[in-house]
Structure formats: structure tokens, C-alpha cells
Amino acid sequence: MIARDTIIAEFKTIFDPEINLDIWTMGLIYEINIKNENEIHILMTYTTPMCPFGAQIKQQVAEKLTDLNFKKIDIEITFNPPWKPSDDLRIMLGI
């Protein structure tokens, strides 16, 4: 079975084009649920509901999971709770 750390490492290679940080560091991934060696569920969000790069980011997540040989990939987008940068991320971004 694929290790959670391997999946996280892949998520760290997907960057939000607006902020130029990876989606893991940004906190856009809320949950990783590996159901079995072929099936995975991801709960994630975007920076805003109208994120212009949302579809692109979701597609990249699906591609990375496919590359890890997952056959059934469920990517759920939620805005509950809405994304809010952590204090550490705010410092990194200078906001």
C-alpha cells in the first residue's frame, strides 16, 4: 500500500499559480483517506470558491494519484471550513 508520506510528497509538487506555494504547505488538503491499495478519497479546498485555478489544481491532484497507481480516485472539494492561511503561512507570505 502507498504510504501517506509518499502522497504528501506528491502534493508538495503541485503549486497554486497565484501564490506560488504547494497545496500541502498552503493547507488546501484537509483529509487523505486511503481506503485500500487501489482506492483513495481526498478532501480538499481552494483558496476561494471562485479560484480560477481550481479545476487545474484538482486535475493535477488526480494525475499525481493516478501516477501512484490508484484506480478509484475520489476528490471532494469543500468550503466548509473555508480556507484560512495558518499563522506560519501568513508569516511566509508576509500578510
PDB file of N, CA and C in Angstrom:
ATOM      1  N   MET A   1       0.843  -1.183   0.000  1.00  0.00           N
ATOM      2  CA  MET A   1       0.000   0.000   0.000  1.00  0.00           C
ATOM      3  C   MET A   1       0.887   1.245   0.000  1.00  0.00           C
ATOM      4  N   ILE A   2       0.440   2.252  -0.720  1.00  0.00           N
ATOM      5  CA  ILE A   2       1.175   3.517  -0.807  1.00  0.00           C
ATOM      6  C   ILE A   2       1.149   4.220   0.552  1.00  0.00           C
ATOM      7  N   ALA A   3       2.295   4.685   0.988  1.00  0.00           N
ATOM      8  CA  ALA A   3       2.393   5.384   2.271  1.00  0.00           C
ATOM      9  C   ALA A   3       1.842   6.803   2.149  1.00  0.00           C
ATOM     10  N   ARG A   4       1.240   7.255   3.215  1.00  0.00           N
ATOM     11  CA  ARG A   4       0.701   8.619   3.282  1.00  0.00           C
ATOM     12  C   ARG A   4       1.795   9.648   2.973  1.00  0.00           C
ATOM     13  N   ASP A   5       3.002   9.414   3.469  1.00  0.00           N
ATOM     14  CA  ASP A   5       4.115  10.339   3.220  1.00  0.00           C
ATOM     15  C   ASP A   5       4.437  10.460   1.733  1.00  0.00           C
ATOM     16  N   THR A   6       4.269   9.378   0.994  1.00  0.00           N
ATOM     17  CA  THR A   6       4.505   9.397  -0.452  1.00  0.00           C
ATOM     18  C   THR A   6       3.482  10.293  -1.138  1.00  0.00           C
ATOM     19  N   ILE A   7       2.236  10.195  -0.706  1.00  0.00           N
ATOM     20  CA  ILE A   7       1.170  11.027  -1.271  1.00  0.00           C
ATOM     21  C   ILE A   7       1.429  12.494  -0.942  1.00  0.00           C
ATOM     22  N   ILE A   8       1.787  12.765   0.291  1.00  0.00           N
ATOM     23  CA  ILE A   8       2.079  14.143   0.704  1.00  0.00           C
ATOM     24  C   ILE A   8       3.241  14.708  -0.111  1.00  0.00           C
ATOM     25  N   ALA A   9       4.258  13.901  -0.342  1.00  0.00           N
ATOM     26  CA  ALA A   9       5.399  14.351  -1.153  1.00  0.00           C
ATOM     27  C   ALA A   9       4.943  14.752  -2.557  1.00  0.00           C
ATOM     28  N   GLU A  10       3.993  14.003  -3.115  1.00  0.00           N
ATOM     29  CA  GLU A  10       3.456  14.350  -4.440  1.00  0.00           C
ATOM     30  C   GLU A  10       2.666  15.654  -4.381  1.00  0.00           C
ATOM     31  N   PHE A  11       1.880  15.841  -3.325  1.00  0.00           N
ATOM     32  CA  PHE A  11       1.108  17.076  -3.180  1.00  0.00           C
ATOM     33  C   PHE A  11       2.024  18.288  -3.048  1.00  0.00           C
ATOM     34  N   LYS A  12       3.210  18.079  -2.515  1.00  0.00           N
ATOM     35  CA  LYS A  12       4.168  19.176  -2.368  1.00  0.00           C
ATOM     36  C   LYS A  12       4.777  19.602  -3.704  1.00  0.00           C
ATOM     37  N   THR A  13       4.460  18.878  -4.777  1.00  0.00           N
ATOM     38  CA  THR A  13       4.946  19.251  -6.108  1.00  0.00           C
ATOM     39  C   THR A  13       3.874  19.974  -6.925  1.00  0.00           C
ATOM     40  N   ILE A  14       2.692  20.162  -6.336  1.00  0.00           N
ATOM     41  CA  ILE A  14       1.593  20.862  -7.010  1.00  0.00           C
ATOM     42  C   ILE A  14       1.509  22.271  -6.424  1.00  0.00           C
ATOM     43  N   PHE A  15       1.685  23.266  -7.273  1.00  0.00           N
ATOM     44  CA  PHE A  15       1.737  24.650  -6.811  1.00  0.00           C
ATOM     45  C   PHE A  15       0.498  25.432  -7.229  1.00  0.00           C
ATOM     46  N   ASP A  16       0.016  26.261  -6.322  1.00  0.00           N
ATOM     47  CA  ASP A  16      -1.042  27.212  -6.641  1.00  0.00           C
ATOM     48  C   ASP A  16      -0.382  28.337  -7.436  1.00  0.00           C
ATOM     49  N   PRO A  17      -0.779  28.538  -8.693  1.00  0.00           N
ATOM     50  CA  PRO A  17      -0.115  29.535  -9.537  1.00  0.00           C
ATOM     51  C   PRO A  17      -0.209  30.969  -9.015  1.00  0.00           C
ATOM     52  N   GLU A  18      -1.262  31.280  -8.274  1.00  0.00           N
ATOM     53  CA  GLU A  18      -1.417  32.649  -7.774  1.00  0.00           C
ATOM     54  C   GLU A  18      -0.466  32.953  -6.619  1.00  0.00           C
ATOM     55  N   ILE A  19      -0.263  31.968  -5.755  1.00  0.00           N
ATOM     56  CA  ILE A  19       0.521  32.191  -4.542  1.00  0.00           C
ATOM     57  C   ILE A  19       1.928  31.609  -4.669  1.00  0.00           C
ATOM     58  N   ASN A  20       2.106  30.685  -5.608  1.00  0.00           N
ATOM     59  CA  ASN A  20       3.390  30.034  -5.863  1.00  0.00           C
ATOM     60  C   ASN A  20       3.905  29.249  -4.660  1.00  0.00           C
ATOM     61  N   LEU A  21       2.976  28.600  -3.966  1.00  0.00           N
ATOM     62  CA  LEU A  21       3.299  27.663  -2.892  1.00  0.00           C
ATOM     63  C   LEU A  21       2.580  26.361  -3.181  1.00  0.00           C
ATOM     64  N   ASP A  22       3.120  25.275  -2.629  1.00  0.00           N
ATOM     65  CA  ASP A  22       2.487  23.986  -2.880  1.00  0.00           C
ATOM     66  C   ASP A  22       1.203  23.842  -2.062  1.00  0.00           C
ATOM     67  N   ILE A  23       0.308  23.004  -2.558  1.00  0.00           N
ATOM     68  CA  ILE A  23      -1.017  22.877  -1.951  1.00  0.00           C
ATOM     69  C   ILE A  23      -0.976  22.234  -0.569  1.00  0.00           C
ATOM     70  N   TRP A  24       0.060  21.446  -0.281  1.00  0.00           N
ATOM     71  CA  TRP A  24       0.170  20.855   1.058  1.00  0.00           C
ATOM     72  C   TRP A  24       0.566  21.929   2.081  1.00  0.00           C
ATOM     73  N   THR A  25       1.596  22.683   1.774  1.00  0.00           N
ATOM     74  CA  THR A  25       2.052  23.743   2.672  1.00  0.00           C
ATOM     75  C   THR A  25       0.956  24.784   2.887  1.00  0.00           C
ATOM     76  N   MET A  26       0.183  25.048   1.847  1.00  0.00           N
ATOM     77  CA  MET A  26      -0.902  26.022   1.951  1.00  0.00           C
ATOM     78  C   MET A  26      -2.052  25.527   2.824  1.00  0.00           C
ATOM     79  N   GLY A  27      -2.120  24.226   3.037  1.00  0.00           N
ATOM     80  CA  GLY A  27      -3.212  23.687   3.843  1.00  0.00           C
ATOM     81  C   GLY A  27      -4.486  23.455   3.054  1.00  0.00           C
ATOM     82  N   LEU A  28      -4.365  23.278   1.738  1.00  0.00           N
ATOM     83  CA  LEU A  28      -5.549  23.042   0.915  1.00  0.00           C
ATOM     84  C   LEU A  28      -6.048  21.603   0.999  1.00  0.00           C
ATOM     85  N   ILE A  29      -5.209  20.697   1.458  1.00  0.00           N
ATOM     86  CA  ILE A  29      -5.610  19.298   1.630  1.00  0.00           C
ATOM     87  C   ILE A  29      -6.075  19.119   3.066  1.00  0.00           C
ATOM     88  N   TYR A  30      -7.345  18.804   3.230  1.00  0.00           N
ATOM     89  CA  TYR A  30      -7.910  18.622   4.569  1.00  0.00           C
ATOM     90  C   TYR A  30      -7.807  17.176   5.044  1.00  0.00           C
ATOM     91  N   GLU A  31      -7.928  16.232   4.115  1.00  0.00           N
ATOM     92  CA  GLU A  31      -8.011  14.831   4.533  1.00  0.00           C
ATOM     93  C   GLU A  31      -7.500  13.916   3.420  1.00  0.00           C
ATOM     94  N   ILE A  32      -6.747  12.900   3.811  1.00  0.00           N
ATOM     95  CA  ILE A  32      -6.297  11.840   2.905  1.00  0.00           C
ATOM     96  C   ILE A  32      -6.814  10.537   3.490  1.00  0.00           C
ATOM     97  N   ASN A  33      -7.681   9.862   2.765  1.00  0.00           N
ATOM     98  CA  ASN A  33      -8.248   8.608   3.244  1.00  0.00           C
ATOM     99  C   ASN A  33      -7.916   7.504   2.238  1.00  0.00           C
ATOM    100  N   ILE A  34      -6.896   6.713   2.559  1.00  0.00           N
ATOM    101  CA  ILE A  34      -6.505   5.593   1.704  1.00  0.00           C
ATOM    102  C   ILE A  34      -7.402   4.421   2.084  1.00  0.00           C
ATOM    103  N   LYS A  35      -8.323   4.077   1.193  1.00  0.00           N
ATOM    104  CA  LYS A  35      -9.297   3.030   1.507  1.00  0.00           C
ATOM    105  C   LYS A  35      -8.701   1.640   1.307  1.00  0.00           C
ATOM    106  N   ASN A  36      -7.919   1.473   0.270  1.00  0.00           N
ATOM    107  CA  ASN A  36      -7.164   0.246   0.012  1.00  0.00           C
ATOM    108  C   ASN A  36      -6.094   0.591  -1.014  1.00  0.00           C
ATOM    109  N   GLU A  37      -5.357  -0.389  -1.494  1.00  0.00           N
ATOM    110  CA  GLU A  37      -4.228  -0.089  -2.389  1.00  0.00           C
ATOM    111  C   GLU A  37      -4.648   0.536  -3.714  1.00  0.00           C
ATOM    112  N   ASN A  38      -5.942   0.430  -4.069  1.00  0.00           N
ATOM    113  CA  ASN A  38      -6.413   0.976  -5.337  1.00  0.00           C
ATOM    114  C   ASN A  38      -7.343   2.172  -5.205  1.00  0.00           C
ATOM    115  N   GLU A  39      -7.761   2.482  -3.988  1.00  0.00           N
ATOM    116  CA  GLU A  39      -8.822   3.472  -3.800  1.00  0.00           C
ATOM    117  C   GLU A  39      -8.431   4.524  -2.762  1.00  0.00           C
ATOM    118  N   ILE A  40      -8.697   5.791  -3.116  1.00  0.00           N
ATOM    119  CA  ILE A  40      -8.342   6.896  -2.221  1.00  0.00           C
ATOM    120  C   ILE A  40      -9.403   7.992  -2.290  1.00  0.00           C
ATOM    121  N   HIS A  41      -9.610   8.636  -1.165  1.00  0.00           N
ATOM    122  CA  HIS A  41     -10.512   9.788  -1.080  1.00  0.00           C
ATOM    123  C   HIS A  41      -9.709  10.968  -0.544  1.00  0.00           C
ATOM    124  N   ILE A  42      -9.812  12.092  -1.237  1.00  0.00           N
ATOM    125  CA  ILE A  42      -9.141  13.324  -0.829  1.00  0.00           C
ATOM    126  C   ILE A  42     -10.207  14.381  -0.576  1.00  0.00           C
ATOM    127  N   LEU A  43     -10.130  15.016   0.578  1.00  0.00           N
ATOM    128  CA  LEU A  43     -10.985  16.159   0.887  1.00  0.00           C
ATOM    129  C   LEU A  43     -10.087  17.385   0.850  1.00  0.00           C
ATOM    130  N   MET A  44     -10.441  18.316  -0.009  1.00  0.00           N
ATOM    131  CA  MET A  44      -9.594  19.493  -0.174  1.00  0.00           C
ATOM    132  C   MET A  44     -10.438  20.727  -0.428  1.00  0.00           C
ATOM    133  N   THR A  45      -9.780  21.854  -0.471  1.00  0.00           N
ATOM    134  CA  THR A  45     -10.446  23.120  -0.735  1.00  0.00           C
ATOM    135  C   THR A  45      -9.599  23.935  -1.696  1.00  0.00           C
ATOM    136  N   TYR A  46     -10.121  25.073  -2.072  1.00  0.00           N
ATOM    137  CA  TYR A  46      -9.376  26.065  -2.843  1.00  0.00           C
ATOM    138  C   TYR A  46      -9.268  27.325  -1.986  1.00  0.00           C
ATOM    139  N   THR A  47      -8.454  28.257  -2.415  1.00  0.00           N
ATOM    140  CA  THR A  47      -8.298  29.489  -1.638  1.00  0.00           C
ATOM    141  C   THR A  47      -9.602  30.276  -1.576  1.00  0.00           C
ATOM    142  N   THR A  48     -10.401  30.204  -2.634  1.00  0.00           N
ATOM    143  CA  THR A  48     -11.728  30.827  -2.668  1.00  0.00           C
ATOM    144  C   THR A  48     -12.640  29.953  -3.522  1.00  0.00           C
ATOM    145  N   PRO A  49     -13.953  30.055  -3.340  1.00  0.00           N
ATOM    146  CA  PRO A  49     -14.864  29.281  -4.190  1.00  0.00           C
ATOM    147  C   PRO A  49     -14.726  29.617  -5.676  1.00  0.00           C
ATOM    148  N   MET A  50     -14.278  30.813  -5.995  1.00  0.00           N
ATOM    149  CA  MET A  50     -14.134  31.224  -7.395  1.00  0.00           C
ATOM    150  C   MET A  50     -12.686  31.135  -7.880  1.00  0.00           C
ATOM    151  N   CYS A  51     -11.880  30.327  -7.234  1.00  0.00           N
ATOM    152  CA  CYS A  51     -10.467  30.190  -7.594  1.00  0.00           C
ATOM    153  C   CYS A  51     -10.336  29.875  -9.087  1.00  0.00           C
ATOM    154  N   PRO A  52      -9.662  30.728  -9.856  1.00  0.00           N
ATOM    155  CA  PRO A  52      -9.548  30.495 -11.292  1.00  0.00           C
ATOM    156  C   PRO A  52      -8.700  29.269 -11.645  1.00  0.00           C
ATOM    157  N   PHE A  53      -7.925  28.775 -10.697  1.00  0.00           N
ATOM    158  CA  PHE A  53      -7.061  27.625 -10.959  1.00  0.00           C
ATOM    159  C   PHE A  53      -7.570  26.347 -10.298  1.00  0.00           C
ATOM    160  N   GLY A  54      -8.772  26.391  -9.726  1.00  0.00           N
ATOM    161  CA  GLY A  54      -9.320  25.242  -9.014  1.00  0.00           C
ATOM    162  C   GLY A  54      -9.356  23.973  -9.845  1.00  0.00           C
ATOM    163  N   ALA A  55      -9.917  24.052 -11.039  1.00  0.00           N
ATOM    164  CA  ALA A  55     -10.024  22.865 -11.894  1.00  0.00           C
ATOM    165  C   ALA A  55      -8.641  22.327 -12.253  1.00  0.00           C
ATOM    166  N   GLN A  56      -7.707  23.217 -12.507  1.00  0.00           N
ATOM    167  CA  GLN A  56      -6.337  22.821 -12.846  1.00  0.00           C
ATOM    168  C   GLN A  56      -5.675  22.109 -11.666  1.00  0.00           C
ATOM    169  N   ILE A  57      -5.841  22.643 -10.471  1.00  0.00           N
ATOM    170  CA  ILE A  57      -5.248  22.031  -9.281  1.00  0.00           C
ATOM    171  C   ILE A  57      -5.864  20.660  -9.034  1.00  0.00           C
ATOM    172  N   LYS A  58      -7.176  20.561  -9.140  1.00  0.00           N
ATOM    173  CA  LYS A  58      -7.856  19.272  -8.939  1.00  0.00           C
ATOM    174  C   LYS A  58      -7.360  18.249  -9.958  1.00  0.00           C
ATOM    175  N   GLN A  59      -7.190  18.662 -11.206  1.00  0.00           N
ATOM    176  CA  GLN A  59      -6.692  17.760 -12.246  1.00  0.00           C
ATOM    177  C   GLN A  59      -5.272  17.291 -11.922  1.00  0.00           C
ATOM    178  N   GLN A  60      -4.438  18.173 -11.432  1.00  0.00           N
ATOM    179  CA  GLN A  60      -3.074  17.793 -11.067  1.00  0.00           C
ATOM    180  C   GLN A  60      -3.068  16.802  -9.912  1.00  0.00           C
ATOM    181  N   VAL A  61      -3.953  16.992  -8.942  1.00  0.00           N
ATOM    182  CA  VAL A  61      -4.076  16.037  -7.834  1.00  0.00           C
ATOM    183  C   VAL A  61      -4.458  14.669  -8.387  1.00  0.00           C
ATOM    184  N   ALA A  62      -5.448  14.632  -9.273  1.00  0.00           N
ATOM    185  CA  ALA A  62      -5.888  13.364  -9.864  1.00  0.00           C
ATOM    186  C   ALA A  62      -4.750  12.698 -10.633  1.00  0.00           C
ATOM    187  N   GLU A  63      -3.989  13.473 -11.383  1.00  0.00           N
ATOM    188  CA  GLU A  63      -2.871  12.924 -12.157  1.00  0.00           C
ATOM    189  C   GLU A  63      -1.797  12.332 -11.248  1.00  0.00           C
ATOM    190  N   LYS A  64      -1.463  13.025 -10.170  1.00  0.00           N
ATOM    191  CA  LYS A  64      -0.449  12.513  -9.232  1.00  0.00           C
ATOM    192  C   LYS A  64      -0.914  11.205  -8.601  1.00  0.00           C
ATOM    193  N   LEU A  65      -2.197  11.130  -8.243  1.00  0.00           N
ATOM    194  CA  LEU A  65      -2.723   9.908  -7.631  1.00  0.00           C
ATOM    195  C   LEU A  65      -2.789   8.768  -8.642  1.00  0.00           C
ATOM    196  N   THR A  66      -3.096   9.084  -9.880  1.00  0.00           N
ATOM    197  CA  THR A  66      -3.080   8.074 -10.942  1.00  0.00           C
ATOM    198  C   THR A  66      -1.658   7.552 -11.136  1.00  0.00           C
ATOM    199  N   ASP A  67      -0.687   8.447 -11.108  1.00  0.00           N
ATOM    200  CA  ASP A  67       0.718   8.047 -11.238  1.00  0.00           C
ATOM    201  C   ASP A  67       1.153   7.114 -10.107  1.00  0.00           C
ATOM    202  N   LEU A  68       0.479   7.226  -8.950  1.00  0.00           N
ATOM    203  CA  LEU A  68       0.773   6.343  -7.812  1.00  0.00           C
ATOM    204  C   LEU A  68      -0.033   5.046  -7.883  1.00  0.00           C
ATOM    205  N   ASN A  69      -0.698   4.835  -9.013  1.00  0.00           N
ATOM    206  CA  ASN A  69      -1.443   3.605  -9.318  1.00  0.00           C
ATOM    207  C   ASN A  69      -2.765   3.446  -8.580  1.00  0.00           C
ATOM    208  N   PHE A  70      -3.342   4.555  -8.108  1.00  0.00           N
ATOM    209  CA  PHE A  70      -4.698   4.461  -7.578  1.00  0.00           C
ATOM    210  C   PHE A  70      -5.651   4.350  -8.761  1.00  0.00           C
ATOM    211  N   LYS A  71      -6.604   3.453  -8.657  1.00  0.00           N
ATOM    212  CA  LYS A  71      -7.565   3.219  -9.740  1.00  0.00           C
ATOM    213  C   LYS A  71      -8.868   3.975  -9.505  1.00  0.00           C
ATOM    214  N   LYS A  72      -9.296   4.043  -8.248  1.00  0.00           N
ATOM    215  CA  LYS A  72     -10.526   4.764  -7.908  1.00  0.00           C
ATOM    216  C   LYS A  72     -10.125   5.966  -7.061  1.00  0.00           C
ATOM    217  N   ILE A  73     -10.291   7.141  -7.654  1.00  0.00           N
ATOM    218  CA  ILE A  73      -9.863   8.386  -7.016  1.00  0.00           C
ATOM    219  C   ILE A  73     -11.081   9.276  -6.820  1.00  0.00           C
ATOM    220  N   ASP A  74     -11.353   9.605  -5.574  1.00  0.00           N
ATOM    221  CA  ASP A  74     -12.471  10.488  -5.244  1.00  0.00           C
ATOM    222  C   ASP A  74     -11.889  11.760  -4.634  1.00  0.00           C
ATOM    223  N   ILE A  75     -12.029  12.858  -5.351  1.00  0.00           N
ATOM    224  CA  ILE A  75     -11.544  14.149  -4.861  1.00  0.00           C
ATOM    225  C   ILE A  75     -12.761  15.010  -4.570  1.00  0.00           C
ATOM    226  N   GLU A  76     -12.957  15.281  -3.306  1.00  0.00           N
ATOM    227  CA  GLU A  76     -14.101  16.079  -2.864  1.00  0.00           C
ATOM    228  C   GLU A  76     -13.624  17.491  -2.525  1.00  0.00           C
ATOM    229  N   ILE A  77     -14.294  18.471  -3.111  1.00  0.00           N
ATOM    230  CA  ILE A  77     -13.976  19.869  -2.842  1.00  0.00           C
ATOM    231  C   ILE A  77     -14.993  20.401  -1.834  1.00  0.00           C
ATOM    232  N   THR A  78     -14.489  21.054  -0.800  1.00  0.00           N
ATOM    233  CA  THR A  78     -15.362  21.628   0.216  1.00  0.00           C
ATOM    234  C   THR A  78     -14.914  23.047   0.543  1.00  0.00           C
ATOM    235  N   PHE A  79     -15.857  23.821   1.011  1.00  0.00           N
ATOM    236  CA  PHE A  79     -15.530  25.151   1.527  1.00  0.00           C
ATOM    237  C   PHE A  79     -16.019  25.278   2.964  1.00  0.00           C
ATOM    238  N   ASN A  80     -16.159  24.124   3.591  1.00  0.00           N
ATOM    239  CA  ASN A  80     -16.583  24.051   4.984  1.00  0.00           C
ATOM    240  C   ASN A  80     -15.569  23.228   5.761  1.00  0.00           C
ATOM    241  N   PRO A  81     -14.623  23.828   6.417  1.00  0.00           N
ATOM    242  CA  PRO A  81     -14.485  25.271   6.599  1.00  0.00           C
ATOM    243  C   PRO A  81     -13.798  25.912   5.401  1.00  0.00           C
ATOM    244  N   PRO A  82     -14.027  27.201   5.221  1.00  0.00           N
ATOM    245  CA  PRO A  82     -13.309  27.898   4.154  1.00  0.00           C
ATOM    246  C   PRO A  82     -11.816  27.942   4.473  1.00  0.00           C
ATOM    247  N   TRP A  83     -11.024  27.995   3.422  1.00  0.00           N
ATOM    248  CA  TRP A  83      -9.571  28.038   3.606  1.00  0.00           C
ATOM    249  C   TRP A  83      -9.177  29.312   4.329  1.00  0.00           C
ATOM    250  N   LYS A  84      -8.274  29.156   5.276  1.00  0.00           N
ATOM    251  CA  LYS A  84      -7.711  30.289   6.006  1.00  0.00           C
ATOM    252  C   LYS A  84      -6.238  29.967   6.221  1.00  0.00           C
ATOM    253  N   PRO A  85      -5.344  30.836   5.772  1.00  0.00           N
ATOM    254  CA  PRO A  85      -3.924  30.549   5.960  1.00  0.00           C
ATOM    255  C   PRO A  85      -3.561  30.477   7.440  1.00  0.00           C
ATOM    256  N   SER A  86      -2.716  29.510   7.769  1.00  0.00           N
ATOM    257  CA  SER A  86      -2.242  29.374   9.149  1.00  0.00           C
ATOM    258  C   SER A  86      -1.366  30.576   9.502  1.00  0.00           C
ATOM    259  N   ASP A  87      -1.096  30.741  10.781  1.00  0.00           N
ATOM    260  CA  ASP A  87      -0.228  31.842  11.216  1.00  0.00           C
ATOM    261  C   ASP A  87       1.155  31.729  10.579  1.00  0.00           C
ATOM    262  N   ASP A  88       1.694  30.498  10.521  1.00  0.00           N
ATOM    263  CA  ASP A  88       3.011  30.294   9.899  1.00  0.00           C
ATOM    264  C   ASP A  88       2.980  30.674   8.422  1.00  0.00           C
ATOM    265  N   LEU A  89       1.896  30.303   7.740  1.00  0.00           N
ATOM    266  CA  LEU A  89       1.778  30.626   6.321  1.00  0.00           C
ATOM    267  C   LEU A  89       1.638  32.135   6.124  1.00  0.00           C
ATOM    268  N   ARG A  90       0.919  32.781   6.992  1.00  0.00           N
ATOM    269  CA  ARG A  90       0.788  34.246   6.912  1.00  0.00           C
ATOM    270  C   ARG A  90       2.164  34.913   7.031  1.00  0.00           C
ATOM    271  N   ILE A  91       2.984  34.392   7.913  1.00  0.00           N
ATOM    272  CA  ILE A  91       4.339  34.930   8.073  1.00  0.00           C
ATOM    273  C   ILE A  91       5.143  34.694   6.796  1.00  0.00           C
ATOM    274  N   MET A  92       5.044  33.472   6.238  1.00  0.00           N
ATOM    275  CA  MET A  92       5.759  33.157   4.992  1.00  0.00           C
ATOM    276  C   MET A  92       5.346  34.095   3.862  1.00  0.00           C
ATOM    277  N   LEU A  93       4.043  34.407   3.814  1.00  0.00           N
ATOM    278  CA  LEU A  93       3.510  35.237   2.736  1.00  0.00           C
ATOM    279  C   LEU A  93       3.646  36.732   3.020  1.00  0.00           C
ATOM    280  N   GLY A  94       4.010  37.052   4.254  1.00  0.00           N
ATOM    281  CA  GLY A  94       4.153  38.454   4.622  1.00  0.00           C
ATOM    282  C   GLY A  94       2.827  39.189   4.746  1.00  0.00           C
ATOM    283  N   ILE A  95       1.803  38.442   5.190  1.00  0.00           N
ATOM    284  CA  ILE A  95       0.482  39.085   5.355  1.00  0.00           C
ATOM    285  C   ILE A  95       0.038  39.069   6.801  1.00  0.00           C
TER     286      ILE A  95
END
